[in-house]
C-alpha atoms as a PDB file:
ATOM      1  CA  UNK A   1      82.148 101.775 111.901  1.00  0.00           C
ATOM      2  CA  UNK A   2      84.186 101.268 114.922  1.00  0.00           C
ATOM      3  CA  UNK A   3      82.370  98.157 116.237  1.00  0.00           C
ATOM      4  CA  UNK A   4      82.899  96.310 112.790  1.00  0.00           C
ATOM      5  CA  UNK A   5      85.470  94.313 111.221  1.00  0.00           C
ATOM      6  CA  UNK A   6      87.217  96.670 108.630  1.00  0.00           C
ATOM      7  CA  UNK A   7      89.698  96.477 106.093  1.00  0.00           C
ATOM      8  CA  UNK A   8      91.776  99.387 105.233  1.00  0.00           C
ATOM      9  CA  UNK A   9      93.091  99.929 101.706  1.00  0.00           C
ATOM     10  CA  UNK A  10      95.037 102.207  99.770  1.00  0.00           C
ATOM     11  CA  UNK A  11      93.217 103.348  96.881  1.00  0.00           C
ATOM     12  CA  UNK A  12      95.809 104.991  94.875  1.00  0.00           C
ATOM     13  CA  UNK A  13      98.599 102.487  95.088  1.00  0.00           C
ATOM     14  CA  UNK A  14      99.308 100.282  92.080  1.00  0.00           C
ATOM     15  CA  UNK A  15      99.945 100.497  88.366  1.00  0.00           C
ATOM     16  CA  UNK A  16      96.306 100.347  87.480  1.00  0.00           C
ATOM     17  CA  UNK A  17      94.841 102.135  90.631  1.00  0.00           C
ATOM     18  CA  UNK A  18      92.331 103.267  91.527  1.00  0.00           C
ATOM     19  CA  UNK A  19      90.270 101.263  88.798  1.00  0.00           C
ATOM     20  CA  UNK A  20      91.740  97.815  89.546  1.00  0.00           C
ATOM     21  CA  UNK A  21      91.582  98.526  93.387  1.00  0.00           C
ATOM     22  CA  UNK A  22      87.693  99.366  93.475  1.00  0.00           C
ATOM     23  CA  UNK A  23      86.975  96.548  91.185  1.00  0.00           C
ATOM     24  CA  UNK A  24      88.901  94.158  93.257  1.00  0.00           C
ATOM     25  CA  UNK A  25      87.127  95.371  96.425  1.00  0.00           C
ATOM     26  CA  UNK A  26      83.926  95.092  94.816  1.00  0.00           C
ATOM     27  CA  UNK A  27      84.432  91.332  93.800  1.00  0.00           C
ATOM     28  CA  UNK A  28      85.923  90.719  97.384  1.00  0.00           C
ATOM     29  CA  UNK A  29      82.765  92.415  98.872  1.00  0.00           C
ATOM     30  CA  UNK A  30      80.367  90.275  96.807  1.00  0.00           C
ATOM     31  CA  UNK A  31      81.553  86.879  98.727  1.00  0.00           C
ATOM     32  CA  UNK A  32      82.051  88.542 102.028  1.00  0.00           C
ATOM     33  CA  UNK A  33      79.290  90.266 103.375  1.00  0.00           C
ATOM     34  CA  UNK A  34      80.368  90.890 106.960  1.00  0.00           C
ATOM     35  CA  UNK A  35      83.496  93.095 106.424  1.00  0.00           C
ATOM     36  CA  UNK A  36      83.402  96.975 105.839  1.00  0.00           C
ATOM     37  CA  UNK A  37      86.141  98.816 104.340  1.00  0.00           C
ATOM     38  CA  UNK A  38      88.148 102.217 104.576  1.00  0.00           C
ATOM     39  CA  UNK A  39      89.355 103.484 100.964  1.00  0.00           C
ATOM     40  CA  UNK A  40      91.943 105.830 101.107  1.00  0.00           C
ATOM     41  CA  UNK A  41      92.672 108.139  98.051  1.00  0.00           C
ATOM     42  CA  UNK A  42      91.481 111.215  96.174  1.00  0.00           C
ATOM     43  CA  UNK A  43      87.855 111.376  96.352  1.00  0.00           C
ATOM     44  CA  UNK A  44      87.293 112.886  92.813  1.00  0.00           C
ATOM     45  CA  UNK A  45      88.846 109.742  91.230  1.00  0.00           C
ATOM     46  CA  UNK A  46      87.400 107.199  93.620  1.00  0.00           C
ATOM     47  CA  UNK A  47      83.785 108.165  93.935  1.00  0.00           C
ATOM     48  CA  UNK A  48      82.891 107.796  90.401  1.00  0.00           C
ATOM     49  CA  UNK A  49      84.147 104.302  90.677  1.00  0.00           C
ATOM     50  CA  UNK A  50      82.813 103.512  93.823  1.00  0.00           C
ATOM     51  CA  UNK A  51      79.339 104.429  92.228  1.00  0.00           C
ATOM     52  CA  UNK A  52      79.847 101.201  89.794  1.00  0.00           C
ATOM     53  CA  UNK A  53      80.424  98.973  92.781  1.00  0.00           C
ATOM     54  CA  UNK A  54      77.119  98.380  94.373  1.00  0.00           C
ATOM     55  CA  UNK A  55      77.956  95.676  96.851  1.00  0.00           C
ATOM     56  CA  UNK A  56      81.001  97.257  98.286  1.00  0.00           C
ATOM     57  CA  UNK A  57      79.640 100.992  98.091  1.00  0.00           C
ATOM     58  CA  UNK A  58      77.231 100.715 101.106  1.00  0.00           C
ATOM     59  CA  UNK A  59      79.994  99.022 103.214  1.00  0.00           C
ATOM     60  CA  UNK A  60      82.833 101.471 102.320  1.00  0.00           C
ATOM     61  CA  UNK A  61      83.906 104.950 103.624  1.00  0.00           C
ATOM     62  CA  UNK A  62      86.051 106.935 101.488  1.00  0.00           C
ATOM     63  CA  UNK A  63      88.791 108.710 103.295  1.00  0.00           C
ATOM     64  CA  UNK A  64      89.950 111.646 101.043  1.00  0.00           C
ATOM     65  CA  UNK A  65      93.598 112.778 100.726  1.00  0.00           C
ATOM     66  CA  UNK A  66      95.059 113.806  97.279  1.00  0.00           C
ATOM     67  CA  UNK A  67      98.702 112.828  98.469  1.00  0.00           C
ATOM     68  CA  UNK A  68      99.832 109.323  97.017  1.00  0.00           C
ATOM     69  CA  UNK A  69     103.230 107.592  96.947  1.00  0.00           C
ATOM     70  CA  UNK A  70     104.730 107.092  93.334  1.00  0.00           C
ATOM     71  CA  UNK A  71     105.465 103.681  92.296  1.00  0.00           C
ATOM     72  CA  UNK A  72     109.040 104.937  91.420  1.00  0.00           C
ATOM     73  CA  UNK A  73     109.424 106.708  94.518  1.00  0.00           C
ATOM     74  CA  UNK A  74     112.430 105.996  96.857  1.00  0.00           C
ATOM     75  CA  UNK A  75     111.755 104.232  99.978  1.00  0.00           C
ATOM     76  CA  UNK A  76     113.641 106.839 102.306  1.00  0.00           C
ATOM     77  CA  UNK A  77     111.847 109.766 100.556  1.00  0.00           C
ATOM     78  CA  UNK A  78     108.300 107.896 100.803  1.00  0.00           C
ATOM     79  CA  UNK A  79     108.918 107.304 104.465  1.00  0.00           C
ATOM     80  CA  UNK A  80     110.193 110.917 105.081  1.00  0.00           C
ATOM     81  CA  UNK A  81     107.553 112.684 103.223  1.00  0.00           C
ATOM     82  CA  UNK A  82     104.948 110.286 103.035  1.00  0.00           C
ATOM     83  CA  UNK A  83     102.492 111.318 106.121  1.00  0.00           C
ATOM     84  CA  UNK A  84      98.955 112.109 105.019  1.00  0.00           C
ATOM     85  CA  UNK A  85      99.257 109.652 101.915  1.00  0.00           C
ATOM     86  CA  UNK A  86      96.920 107.038 100.953  1.00  0.00           C
ATOM     87  CA  UNK A  87      99.557 104.497 101.648  1.00  0.00           C
ATOM     88  CA  UNK A  88     100.297 106.157 105.139  1.00  0.00           C
ATOM     89  CA  UNK A  89      96.822 106.536 106.125  1.00  0.00           C
ATOM     90  CA  UNK A  90      95.768 102.988 105.214  1.00  0.00           C
ATOM     91  CA  UNK A  91      98.511 101.632 107.636  1.00  0.00           C
ATOM     92  CA  UNK A  92      97.540 104.388 110.375  1.00  0.00           C
ATOM     93  CA  UNK A  93      93.979 102.930 110.540  1.00  0.00           C
ATOM     94  CA  UNK A  94      95.493  99.470 111.287  1.00  0.00           C
ATOM     95  CA  UNK A  95      97.727 101.162 114.224  1.00  0.00           C
ATOM     96  CA  UNK A  96      94.721 102.963 115.809  1.00  0.00           C
ATOM     97  CA  UNK A  97      92.462  99.925 115.879  1.00  0.00           C
ATOM     98  CA  UNK A  98      90.131 100.831 113.254  1.00  0.00           C
ATOM     99  CA  UNK A  99      91.091  98.365 111.106  1.00  0.00           C
ATOM    100  CA  UNK A 100      92.065  94.806 111.328  1.00  0.00           C
ATOM    101  CA  UNK A 101      94.346  95.060 108.181  1.00  0.00           C
ATOM    102  CA  UNK A 102      95.729  96.963 105.440  1.00  0.00           C
ATOM    103  CA  UNK A 103      96.179  96.409 101.727  1.00  0.00           C
ATOM    104  CA  UNK A 104      98.174  98.183  99.215  1.00  0.00           C
ATOM    105  CA  UNK A 105      99.399  97.577  95.685  1.00  0.00           C
ATOM    106  CA  UNK A 106     101.831 100.455  96.003  1.00  0.00           C
ATOM    107  CA  UNK A 107     105.623 100.862  96.076  1.00  0.00           C
ATOM    108  CA  UNK A 108     106.802  97.865  98.029  1.00  0.00           C
ATOM    109  CA  UNK A 109     109.861  99.618  99.723  1.00  0.00           C
ATOM    110  CA  UNK A 110     107.939 102.666 100.912  1.00  0.00           C
ATOM    111  CA  UNK A 111     105.211 100.170 102.114  1.00  0.00           C
ATOM    112  CA  UNK A 112     107.652  98.416 104.288  1.00  0.00           C
ATOM    113  CA  UNK A 113     109.232 101.430 105.257  1.00  0.00           C
ATOM    114  CA  UNK A 114     106.193 103.214 106.371  1.00  0.00           C
ATOM    115  CA  UNK A 115     104.548 100.017 108.063  1.00  0.00           C
ATOM    116  CA  UNK A 116     107.916  99.659 110.158  1.00  0.00           C
ATOM    117  CA  UNK A 117     107.611 103.300 111.113  1.00  0.00           C
ATOM    118  CA  UNK A 118     104.261 103.540 111.913  1.00  0.00           C
ATOM    119  CA  UNK A 119     103.382  99.955 113.400  1.00  0.00           C
ATOM    120  CA  UNK A 120     106.970  98.965 114.737  1.00  0.00           C
ATOM    121  CA  UNK A 121     108.143  95.365 115.210  1.00  0.00           C
ATOM    122  CA  UNK A 122     106.550  92.792 117.729  1.00  0.00           C
ATOM    123  CA  UNK A 123     108.333  92.750 120.957  1.00  0.00           C
ATOM    124  CA  UNK A 124     111.023  90.067 120.869  1.00  0.00           C
ATOM    125  CA  UNK A 125     111.278  89.931 116.992  1.00  0.00           C
ATOM    126  CA  UNK A 126     114.799  91.045 115.627  1.00  0.00           C
ATOM    127  CA  UNK A 127     113.315  91.654 112.066  1.00  0.00           C
ATOM    128  CA  UNK A 128     110.184  91.542 110.197  1.00  0.00           C
ATOM    129  CA  UNK A 129     109.892  89.445 106.916  1.00  0.00           C
ATOM    130  CA  UNK A 130     107.800  89.410 103.754  1.00  0.00           C
ATOM    131  CA  UNK A 131     106.062  86.006 103.110  1.00  0.00           C
ATOM    132  CA  UNK A 132     104.205  85.027 100.100  1.00  0.00           C
ATOM    133  CA  UNK A 133     102.671  81.914  98.796  1.00  0.00           C
ATOM    134  CA  UNK A 134     103.297  80.002  95.505  1.00  0.00           C
ATOM    135  CA  UNK A 135     101.799  77.028  93.479  1.00  0.00           C
ATOM    136  CA  UNK A 136     103.304  73.338  94.043  1.00  0.00           C
ATOM    137  CA  UNK A 137     102.165  69.982  92.623  1.00  0.00           C
ATOM    138  CA  UNK A 138      99.699  69.585  95.630  1.00  0.00           C
ATOM    139  CA  UNK A 139      98.583  72.985  96.362  1.00  0.00           C
ATOM    140  CA  UNK A 140     100.609  76.191  97.654  1.00  0.00           C
ATOM    141  CA  UNK A 141     103.560  76.708 100.138  1.00  0.00           C
ATOM    142  CA  UNK A 142     104.706  79.624 101.899  1.00  0.00           C
ATOM    143  CA  UNK A 143     107.989  81.225 101.434  1.00  0.00           C
ATOM    144  CA  UNK A 144     109.711  83.763 103.470  1.00  0.00           C
ATOM    145  CA  UNK A 145     111.925  86.163 103.455  1.00  0.00           C
ATOM    146  CA  UNK A 146     111.164  87.671  99.888  1.00  0.00           C
ATOM    147  CA  UNK A 147     113.021  90.667 100.416  1.00  0.00           C
ATOM    148  CA  UNK A 148     112.138  92.630 103.484  1.00  0.00           C
ATOM    149  CA  UNK A 149     116.056  92.635 104.084  1.00  0.00           C
ATOM    150  CA  UNK A 150     118.971  91.053 102.520  1.00  0.00           C
ATOM    151  CA  UNK A 151     120.981  89.025 104.985  1.00  0.00           C
ATOM    152  CA  UNK A 152     119.623  86.873 108.125  1.00  0.00           C
ATOM    153  CA  UNK A 153     121.451  85.416 111.049  1.00  0.00           C
ATOM    154  CA  UNK A 154     120.605  81.890 112.434  1.00  0.00           C
ATOM    155  CA  UNK A 155     118.363  83.394 115.187  1.00  0.00           C
ATOM    156  CA  UNK A 156     116.391  85.600 112.657  1.00  0.00           C
ATOM    157  CA  UNK A 157     116.190  82.415 110.405  1.00  0.00           C
ATOM    158  CA  UNK A 158     114.480  80.599 113.327  1.00  0.00           C
ATOM    159  CA  UNK A 159     111.976  83.782 113.887  1.00  0.00           C
ATOM    160  CA  UNK A 160     111.138  83.394 110.175  1.00  0.00           C
ATOM    161  CA  UNK A 161     110.264  79.521 110.537  1.00  0.00           C
ATOM    162  CA  UNK A 162     108.047  80.711 113.651  1.00  0.00           C
ATOM    163  CA  UNK A 163     106.240  83.484 111.757  1.00  0.00           C
ATOM    164  CA  UNK A 164     106.188  81.226 108.327  1.00  0.00           C
ATOM    165  CA  UNK A 165     104.333  78.107 110.200  1.00  0.00           C
ATOM    166  CA  UNK A 166     101.602  80.637 111.477  1.00  0.00           C
ATOM    167  CA  UNK A 167     101.289  82.397 108.056  1.00  0.00           C
ATOM    168  CA  UNK A 168     100.750  78.850 106.590  1.00  0.00           C
ATOM    169  CA  UNK A 169      98.165  77.938 108.980  1.00  0.00           C
ATOM    170  CA  UNK A 170      96.107  81.203 108.625  1.00  0.00           C
ATOM    171  CA  UNK A 171      96.461  81.829 104.786  1.00  0.00           C
ATOM    172  CA  UNK A 172      96.844  78.300 103.173  1.00  0.00           C
ATOM    173  CA  UNK A 173      94.935  76.390 105.780  1.00  0.00           C
ATOM    174  CA  UNK A 174      97.461  73.632 106.597  1.00  0.00           C
ATOM    175  CA  UNK A 175      96.848  72.475 110.151  1.00  0.00           C
ATOM    176  CA  UNK A 176     100.354  71.184 110.718  1.00  0.00           C
ATOM    177  CA  UNK A 177     102.651  72.883 108.404  1.00  0.00           C
ATOM    178  CA  UNK A 178     105.962  70.963 107.438  1.00  0.00           C
ATOM    179  CA  UNK A 179     108.885  73.730 107.791  1.00  0.00           C
ATOM    180  CA  UNK A 180     112.237  73.608 106.065  1.00  0.00           C
ATOM    181  CA  UNK A 181     115.362  75.764 105.349  1.00  0.00           C
ATOM    182  CA  UNK A 182     116.257  76.285 101.748  1.00  0.00           C
ATOM    183  CA  UNK A 183     119.750  75.187 101.106  1.00  0.00           C
ATOM    184  CA  UNK A 184     122.100  73.809  98.500  1.00  0.00           C
ATOM    185  CA  UNK A 185     121.972  70.403  99.734  1.00  0.00           C
ATOM    186  CA  UNK A 186     119.824  67.878 101.981  1.00  0.00           C
ATOM    187  CA  UNK A 187     123.233  66.715 103.975  1.00  0.00           C
ATOM    188  CA  UNK A 188     123.793  68.423 107.452  1.00  0.00           C
ATOM    189  CA  UNK A 189     127.095  69.888 106.514  1.00  0.00           C
ATOM    190  CA  UNK A 190     125.907  71.768 103.458  1.00  0.00           C
ATOM    191  CA  UNK A 191     124.929  75.660 103.517  1.00  0.00           C
ATOM    192  CA  UNK A 192     126.346  78.616 105.237  1.00  0.00           C
ATOM    193  CA  UNK A 193     127.115  78.434 109.007  1.00  0.00           C
ATOM    194  CA  UNK A 194     124.005  80.402 109.671  1.00  0.00           C
ATOM    195  CA  UNK A 195     121.633  77.779 108.026  1.00  0.00           C
ATOM    196  CA  UNK A 196     123.361  74.911 109.954  1.00  0.00           C
ATOM    197  CA  UNK A 197     123.130  76.895 113.222  1.00  0.00           C
ATOM    198  CA  UNK A 198     119.276  77.840 112.427  1.00  0.00           C
ATOM    199  CA  UNK A 199     118.687  74.039 112.192  1.00  0.00           C
ATOM    200  CA  UNK A 200     120.451  73.437 115.285  1.00  0.00           C
ATOM    201  CA  UNK A 201     118.462  76.230 117.286  1.00  0.00           C
ATOM    202  CA  UNK A 202     115.025  74.714 115.740  1.00  0.00           C
ATOM    203  CA  UNK A 203     115.984  71.127 116.970  1.00  0.00           C
ATOM    204  CA  UNK A 204     117.184  71.869 120.050  1.00  0.00           C
ATOM    205  CA  UNK A 205     114.405  74.212 120.977  1.00  0.00           C
ATOM    206  CA  UNK A 206     110.770  73.069 122.360  1.00  0.00           C
ATOM    207  CA  UNK A 207     109.015  74.918 119.371  1.00  0.00           C
ATOM    208  CA  UNK A 208     105.766  73.070 118.453  1.00  0.00           C
ATOM    209  CA  UNK A 209     106.979  72.860 114.732  1.00  0.00           C
ATOM    210  CA  UNK A 210     107.132  69.879 112.327  1.00  0.00           C
ATOM    211  CA  UNK A 211     110.808  70.731 111.152  1.00  0.00           C
ATOM    212  CA  UNK A 212     111.700  68.774 108.083  1.00  0.00           C
ATOM    213  CA  UNK A 213     115.570  69.913 107.701  1.00  0.00           C
ATOM    214  CA  UNK A 214     116.686  71.227 104.540  1.00  0.00           C
ATOM    215  CA  UNK A 215     114.958  71.636 101.049  1.00  0.00           C
ATOM    216  CA  UNK A 216     116.595  72.359  97.669  1.00  0.00           C
ATOM    217  CA  UNK A 217     115.405  74.951  95.495  1.00  0.00           C
ATOM    218  CA  UNK A 218     114.308  72.467  92.917  1.00  0.00           C
ATOM    219  CA  UNK A 219     112.133  70.427  95.129  1.00  0.00           C
ATOM    220  CA  UNK A 220     110.129  73.491  96.339  1.00  0.00           C
ATOM    221  CA  UNK A 221     107.219  72.838  93.712  1.00  0.00           C
ATOM    222  CA  UNK A 222     106.920  69.060  94.809  1.00  0.00           C
ATOM    223  CA  UNK A 223     104.665  69.998  97.649  1.00  0.00           C
ATOM    224  CA  UNK A 224     106.571  68.158 100.261  1.00  0.00           C
ATOM    225  CA  UNK A 225     107.141  71.213 102.290  1.00  0.00           C
ATOM    226  CA  UNK A 226     104.545  73.800 103.362  1.00  0.00           C
ATOM    227  CA  UNK A 227     107.049  76.623 104.723  1.00  0.00           C
ATOM    228  CA  UNK A 228     110.428  77.394 103.065  1.00  0.00           C
ATOM    229  CA  UNK A 229     112.583  79.448 105.121  1.00  0.00           C
ATOM    230  CA  UNK A 230     115.507  81.803 103.660  1.00  0.00           C
ATOM    231  CA  UNK A 231     117.208  85.230 103.865  1.00  0.00           C
ATOM    232  CA  UNK A 232     115.288  87.866 101.828  1.00  0.00           C
ATOM    233  CA  UNK A 233     118.350  88.080  98.793  1.00  0.00           C
ATOM    234  CA  UNK A 234     118.017  84.294  98.298  1.00  0.00           C
ATOM    235  CA  UNK A 235     114.126  84.185  98.612  1.00  0.00           C
ATOM    236  CA  UNK A 236     113.880  87.234  96.371  1.00  0.00           C
ATOM    237  CA  UNK A 237     116.130  85.861  93.672  1.00  0.00           C
ATOM    238  CA  UNK A 238     114.138  82.328  93.883  1.00  0.00           C
ATOM    239  CA  UNK A 239     110.779  84.241  93.378  1.00  0.00           C
ATOM    240  CA  UNK A 240     111.925  86.175  90.373  1.00  0.00           C
ATOM    241  CA  UNK A 241     113.439  83.244  88.897  1.00  0.00           C
ATOM    242  CA  UNK A 242     110.640  81.164  89.261  1.00  0.00           C
ATOM    243  CA  UNK A 243     108.128  83.952  87.870  1.00  0.00           C
ATOM    244  CA  UNK A 244     110.645  84.397  85.067  1.00  0.00           C
ATOM    245  CA  UNK A 245     110.759  80.805  84.098  1.00  0.00           C
ATOM    246  CA  UNK A 246     106.723  80.465  84.469  1.00  0.00           C
ATOM    247  CA  UNK A 247     106.369  83.423  81.852  1.00  0.00           C
ATOM    248  CA  UNK A 248     109.157  81.863  79.896  1.00  0.00           C
ATOM    249  CA  UNK A 249     107.346  78.506  79.484  1.00  0.00           C
ATOM    250  CA  UNK A 250     103.710  80.157  79.089  1.00  0.00           C
ATOM    251  CA  UNK A 251     105.119  82.153  76.081  1.00  0.00           C
ATOM    252  CA  UNK A 252     106.997  79.170  74.586  1.00  0.00           C
ATOM    253  CA  UNK A 253     103.933  77.013  74.947  1.00  0.00           C
ATOM    254  CA  UNK A 254     101.832  79.518  73.081  1.00  0.00           C
ATOM    255  CA  UNK A 255     104.109  79.968  70.330  1.00  0.00           C
ATOM    256  CA  UNK A 256     104.493  76.254  69.956  1.00  0.00           C
ATOM    257  CA  UNK A 257     100.594  75.805  69.876  1.00  0.00           C
ATOM    258  CA  UNK A 258     100.086  78.270  67.354  1.00  0.00           C
ATOM    259  CA  UNK A 259     103.164  77.297  64.988  1.00  0.00           C
ATOM    260  CA  UNK A 260     101.228  75.420  62.301  1.00  0.00           C
ATOM    261  CA  UNK A 261      97.457  74.066  61.293  1.00  0.00           C
ATOM    262  CA  UNK A 262      98.440  70.665  63.189  1.00  0.00           C
ATOM    263  CA  UNK A 263      99.705  72.374  66.291  1.00  0.00           C
ATOM    264  CA  UNK A 264      96.651  74.685  66.252  1.00  0.00           C
ATOM    265  CA  UNK A 265      94.578  71.587  65.830  1.00  0.00           C
ATOM    266  CA  UNK A 266      96.087  69.626  68.687  1.00  0.00           C
ATOM    267  CA  UNK A 267      95.737  72.880  70.823  1.00  0.00           C
ATOM    268  CA  UNK A 268      92.058  72.631  70.318  1.00  0.00           C
ATOM    269  CA  UNK A 269      91.963  68.875  71.517  1.00  0.00           C
ATOM    270  CA  UNK A 270      94.073  69.659  74.775  1.00  0.00           C
ATOM    271  CA  UNK A 271      92.398  72.785  75.537  1.00  0.00           C
ATOM    272  CA  UNK A 272      90.245  71.627  78.684  1.00  0.00           C
ATOM    273  CA  UNK A 273      93.578  70.560  80.209  1.00  0.00           C
ATOM    274  CA  UNK A 274      95.467  73.635  79.373  1.00  0.00           C
ATOM    275  CA  UNK A 275      92.711  75.558  80.893  1.00  0.00           C
ATOM    276  CA  UNK A 276      92.991  73.601  84.179  1.00  0.00           C
ATOM    277  CA  UNK A 277      96.613  73.947  84.215  1.00  0.00           C
ATOM    278  CA  UNK A 278      96.646  77.363  83.575  1.00  0.00           C
ATOM    279  CA  UNK A 279      94.159  78.113  86.562  1.00  0.00           C
ATOM    280  CA  UNK A 280      96.438  76.046  88.851  1.00  0.00           C
ATOM    281  CA  UNK A 281      99.075  78.179  87.665  1.00  0.00           C
ATOM    282  CA  UNK A 282      97.486  81.522  87.811  1.00  0.00           C
ATOM    283  CA  UNK A 283      99.599  83.744  89.908  1.00  0.00           C
ATOM    284  CA  UNK A 284      96.416  85.943  90.823  1.00  0.00           C
ATOM    285  CA  UNK A 285      95.451  83.216  92.984  1.00  0.00           C
ATOM    286  CA  UNK A 286      98.393  83.603  95.353  1.00  0.00           C
ATOM    287  CA  UNK A 287      98.558  87.562  95.165  1.00  0.00           C
ATOM    288  CA  UNK A 288      99.272  89.099  98.655  1.00  0.00           C
ATOM    289  CA  UNK A 289     102.687  89.242 100.319  1.00  0.00           C
ATOM    290  CA  UNK A 290     102.421  89.840 104.180  1.00  0.00           C
ATOM    291  CA  UNK A 291     104.862  91.917 106.150  1.00  0.00           C
ATOM    292  CA  UNK A 292     105.104  89.455 109.137  1.00  0.00           C
ATOM    293  CA  UNK A 293     106.509  90.439 112.686  1.00  0.00           C
ATOM    294  CA  UNK A 294     104.948  94.146 112.797  1.00  0.00           C
ATOM    295  CA  UNK A 295     102.275  94.958 115.490  1.00  0.00           C
ATOM    296  CA  UNK A 296      99.586  94.791 112.932  1.00  0.00           C
ATOM    297  CA  UNK A 297      98.849  93.376 109.391  1.00  0.00           C
ATOM    298  CA  UNK A 298      99.929  94.961 106.185  1.00  0.00           C
ATOM    299  CA  UNK A 299      99.506  92.982 102.878  1.00  0.00           C
ATOM    300  CA  UNK A 300     101.369  93.930  99.472  1.00  0.00           C
ATOM    301  CA  UNK A 301      99.555  93.231  96.337  1.00  0.00           C
ATOM    302  CA  UNK A 302     101.350  92.769  93.328  1.00  0.00           C
ATOM    303  CA  UNK A 303     101.457  96.223  91.611  1.00  0.00           C
ATOM    304  CA  UNK A 304     100.449  95.088  88.364  1.00  0.00           C
ATOM    305  CA  UNK A 305      97.905  92.843  89.226  1.00  0.00           C
ATOM    306  CA  UNK A 306      94.195  92.994  88.004  1.00  0.00           C
ATOM    307  CA  UNK A 307      90.972  92.978  89.970  1.00  0.00           C
ATOM    308  CA  UNK A 308      91.073  89.346  90.564  1.00  0.00           C
ATOM    309  CA  UNK A 309      94.639  89.414  92.015  1.00  0.00           C
ATOM    310  CA  UNK A 310      93.579  92.298  94.204  1.00  0.00           C
ATOM    311  CA  UNK A 311      90.568  90.530  95.493  1.00  0.00           C
ATOM    312  CA  UNK A 312      92.841  87.821  96.451  1.00  0.00           C
ATOM    313  CA  UNK A 313      95.086  90.307  98.453  1.00  0.00           C
ATOM    314  CA  UNK A 314      92.348  91.705 100.385  1.00  0.00           C
ATOM    315  CA  UNK A 315      91.409  88.073 101.072  1.00  0.00           C
ATOM    316  CA  UNK A 316      94.789  87.642 102.509  1.00  0.00           C
ATOM    317  CA  UNK A 317      94.407  90.485 104.570  1.00  0.00           C
ATOM    318  CA  UNK A 318      90.912  89.268 105.890  1.00  0.00           C
ATOM    319  CA  UNK A 319      92.227  86.122 106.881  1.00  0.00           C
ATOM    320  CA  UNK A 320      95.231  87.520 108.630  1.00  0.00           C
ATOM    321  CA  UNK A 321      93.354  90.366 110.396  1.00  0.00           C
ATOM    322  CA  UNK A 322      90.982  87.757 111.704  1.00  0.00           C
ATOM    323  CA  UNK A 323      93.261  85.305 112.939  1.00  0.00           C
ATOM    324  CA  UNK A 324      95.472  84.491 116.125  1.00  0.00           C
ATOM    325  CA  UNK A 325      98.693  84.769 114.152  1.00  0.00           C
ATOM    326  CA  UNK A 326     100.137  86.979 116.460  1.00  0.00           C
ATOM    327  CA  UNK A 327      99.236  84.922 119.401  1.00  0.00           C
ATOM    328  CA  UNK A 328     100.963  81.988 118.116  1.00  0.00           C
ATOM    329  CA  UNK A 329     104.027  83.716 116.993  1.00  0.00           C
ATOM    330  CA  UNK A 330     104.459  85.226 120.747  1.00  0.00           C
ATOM    331  CA  UNK A 331     103.727  81.913 122.193  1.00  0.00           C
ATOM    332  CA  UNK A 332     106.251  80.104 120.163  1.00  0.00           C
ATOM    333  CA  UNK A 333     108.963  83.037 120.558  1.00  0.00           C
ATOM    334  CA  UNK A 334     108.400  82.446 124.232  1.00  0.00           C
ATOM    335  CA  UNK A 335     109.056  78.625 124.035  1.00  0.00           C
ATOM    336  CA  UNK A 336     112.445  79.652 121.600  1.00  0.00           C
ATOM    337  CA  UNK A 337     113.619  82.194 124.500  1.00  0.00           C
ATOM    338  CA  UNK A 338     113.105  79.783 127.339  1.00  0.00           C
ATOM    339  CA  UNK A 339     114.788  77.068 125.276  1.00  0.00           C
ATOM    340  CA  UNK A 340     117.786  79.262 124.545  1.00  0.00           C
ATOM    341  CA  UNK A 341     118.154  80.527 128.087  1.00  0.00           C
ATOM    342  CA  UNK A 342     118.109  77.010 129.700  1.00  0.00           C
ATOM    343  CA  UNK A 343     120.442  75.845 126.892  1.00  0.00           C
ATOM    344  CA  UNK A 344     123.075  78.784 127.762  1.00  0.00           C
ATOM    345  CA  UNK A 345     122.413  78.050 131.736  1.00  0.00           C
ATOM    346  CA  UNK A 346     123.532  74.512 131.140  1.00  0.00           C
ATOM    347  CA  UNK A 347     126.715  75.552 129.027  1.00  0.00           C
ATOM    348  CA  UNK A 348     127.504  78.037 131.900  1.00  0.00           C
ATOM    349  CA  UNK A 349     127.234  75.372 134.367  1.00  0.00           C
ATOM    350  CA  UNK A 350     129.370  73.074 132.232  1.00  0.00           C
ATOM    351  CA  UNK A 351     132.009  75.397 131.729  1.00  0.00           C
ATOM    352  CA  UNK A 352     132.120  76.388 135.395  1.00  0.00           C
ATOM    353  CA  UNK A 353     132.482  72.865 136.195  1.00  0.00           C
ATOM    354  CA  UNK A 354     135.358  72.244 133.779  1.00  0.00           C
ATOM    355  CA  UNK A 355     137.202  75.116 135.468  1.00  0.00           C
END
């Protein structure tokens, strides 16, 4: 299998593993006949499920391990004692070059910790970020960081912008992504110093980026921005808030349409439109967050997803694994370093002249 493009999969990670993992793998294999798979986990549990996956089975090798990371495991313990687990082995396959990407629906903190330990950060990057997509009026937008870390300096926000731009190109198919920093207002003086400094750095650099300044949280869904950049704390809060509001609205709509005979009749009349709306807002279609900034591709699927969602996470991994993502990021980082160095030299000369 060494000469084939391979996706490495944690077969035991997730709330409904391994059933959902295998069913999602089968769905993906039905539309991509050119890829092969490494499935890590308990052979006794995986083999009977793979017997019901006729498309994926001939292209899948099961790597047995009876060790797995619990969904409630503490990240530090998972990193310290995780060697040999299905999650660990899935990531190791990327490090060795056997696989182009790894996918897991397991414990997020454990996956991040193990990925950092095994793959290390890309040279020149201060910190990795967690990026994902969410629906907008016109399609989807990418957002990062969503919780890989809590705070971020101005320099790190610029790095996130560089990685987010490449992510939007690869995963969302946007040729020239419009990038903006999440802020409490669109005015130049709004926000923390780190946000204002990040904007200044981007504008002063020679980055090949369509930078649009600031975007407020209530404007994300408009679809005018393709990449929203923020720190991990703010991004995670924004994501959880959006998910909660979406579930609340869905439940309220269901209750309203079931509130009486007239409402139920009206529901039947608008059912085609409701189905289109539900399909557009389906979170499974944007499932698959990526740990950006590592020497290898690792995709985190939502732990409670179903086969459709896990199929999408594998699709994200395949797209990232086959792309020139790292080359684009590294090229823009070089431009950033060169621009920063040049600015520092000019400042030093000016300071010396002033003396």
